[in-house]
Amino acid sequence: YVAFPLLAGPFAPWVFTGNLTANLMRNVWSYMIIFCGHFPEDVQEFSIEETKAETRGQWYFRQVLGSANLTGGKLFHILSGNLSF
């Protein structure tokens, strides 16, 4: 985070600010996509007791039941990394 902007010489503060801004925007976007995919009304919830003795296959099945597809246009699906499917 510090070494790469230094390669820009006198523009290092601008490169650092740009990198920081891009990172913050990516984190907010990722949070929104992941949050929206796990908290819609039709997503199934599980108690800790239900998950204690589950097999690996049951864990994967629970991951599918605990997430939801998001709808949107082509650009939305591209920007979300197809996490909407």
Protein backbone atom coordinates (compact mmCIF):
# COMPACT_ATOMS: atom_id res chain seq x y z
CA TYR A 1 0.00 0.00 0.00
CA VAL A 2 2.91 2.34 0.58
CA ALA A 3 5.65 0.99 -1.70
CA PHE A 4 3.64 0.94 -4.93
CA PRO A 5 2.52 4.60 -4.73
CA LEU A 6 6.14 5.60 -4.11
CA LEU A 7 6.95 4.37 -7.62
CA ALA A 8 4.81 7.25 -8.91
CA GLY A 9 7.30 9.79 -7.55
CA PRO A 10 5.72 13.20 -7.00
CA PHE A 11 2.27 11.73 -7.74
CA ALA A 12 2.55 9.25 -4.85
CA PRO A 13 -0.11 10.98 -2.70
CA TRP A 14 -2.58 10.85 -5.61
CA VAL A 15 -1.83 7.17 -6.27
CA PHE A 16 -2.17 6.35 -2.57
CA THR A 17 -5.49 8.23 -2.36
CA GLY A 18 -6.75 6.50 -5.51
CA ASN A 19 -5.79 3.07 -4.19
CA LEU A 20 -7.44 3.77 -0.84
CA THR A 21 -10.62 5.05 -2.50
CA ALA A 22 -10.81 2.05 -4.84
CA ASN A 23 -10.30 -0.35 -1.94
CA LEU A 24 -13.03 1.30 0.13
CA MET A 25 -15.46 1.27 -2.79
CA ARG A 26 -14.73 -2.40 -3.48
CA ASN A 27 -15.27 -3.31 0.18
CA VAL A 28 -18.60 -1.47 0.36
CA TRP A 29 -19.80 -3.04 -2.91
CA SER A 30 -18.75 -6.54 -1.80
CA TYR A 31 -20.46 -6.09 1.56
CA MET A 32 -23.70 -4.99 -0.11
CA ILE A 33 -23.71 -7.93 -2.55
CA ILE A 34 -22.91 -10.52 0.12
CA PHE A 35 -25.38 -9.03 2.61
CA CYS A 36 -28.22 -8.94 0.05
CA GLY A 37 -27.52 -12.53 -0.95
CA HIS A 38 -27.81 -13.87 2.60
CA PHE A 39 -30.60 -11.91 4.23
CA PRO A 40 -33.67 -11.93 1.96
CA GLU A 41 -36.96 -13.14 3.38
CA ASP A 42 -36.89 -16.59 1.75
CA VAL A 43 -33.44 -17.62 3.04
CA GLN A 44 -33.47 -20.49 5.51
CA GLU A 45 -31.85 -19.98 8.92
CA PHE A 46 -30.19 -22.65 11.05
CA SER A 47 -29.57 -22.94 14.78
CA ILE A 48 -26.20 -23.87 16.24
CA GLU A 49 -27.64 -27.21 17.39
CA GLU A 50 -28.56 -28.09 13.80
CA THR A 51 -25.00 -27.51 12.61
CA LYS A 52 -23.02 -29.30 15.33
CA ALA A 53 -22.88 -32.82 13.87
CA GLU A 54 -23.30 -32.06 10.18
CA THR A 55 -21.24 -33.77 7.51
CA ARG A 56 -19.31 -31.91 4.85
CA GLY A 57 -22.10 -32.56 2.36
CA GLN A 58 -24.68 -31.20 4.79
CA TRP A 59 -22.54 -28.10 5.26
CA TYR A 60 -22.52 -27.43 1.50
CA PHE A 61 -26.26 -28.06 1.32
CA ARG A 62 -26.79 -25.58 4.17
CA GLN A 63 -24.75 -22.99 2.26
CA VAL A 64 -27.09 -23.34 -0.70
CA LEU A 65 -30.20 -23.08 1.48
CA GLY A 66 -28.75 -20.10 3.34
CA SER A 67 -28.24 -17.89 0.31
CA ALA A 68 -30.50 -16.38 -2.32
CA ASN A 69 -30.25 -15.38 -5.97
CA LEU A 70 -30.32 -11.68 -6.72
CA THR A 71 -31.99 -10.24 -9.77
CA GLY A 72 -30.57 -7.52 -11.93
CA GLY A 73 -29.37 -6.58 -15.36
CA LYS A 74 -26.31 -7.85 -17.20
CA LEU A 75 -24.08 -5.06 -15.84
CA PHE A 76 -25.18 -5.85 -12.27
CA HIS A 77 -24.26 -9.52 -12.72
CA ILE A 78 -20.88 -8.58 -14.18
CA LEU A 79 -20.11 -6.12 -11.37
CA SER A 80 -21.20 -8.61 -8.71
CA GLY A 81 -18.87 -11.27 -10.10
CA ASN A 82 -21.94 -13.41 -10.83
CA LEU A 83 -22.52 -13.88 -7.09
CA SER A 84 -26.15 -13.34 -7.97
CA PHE A 85 -26.44 -16.89 -9.34
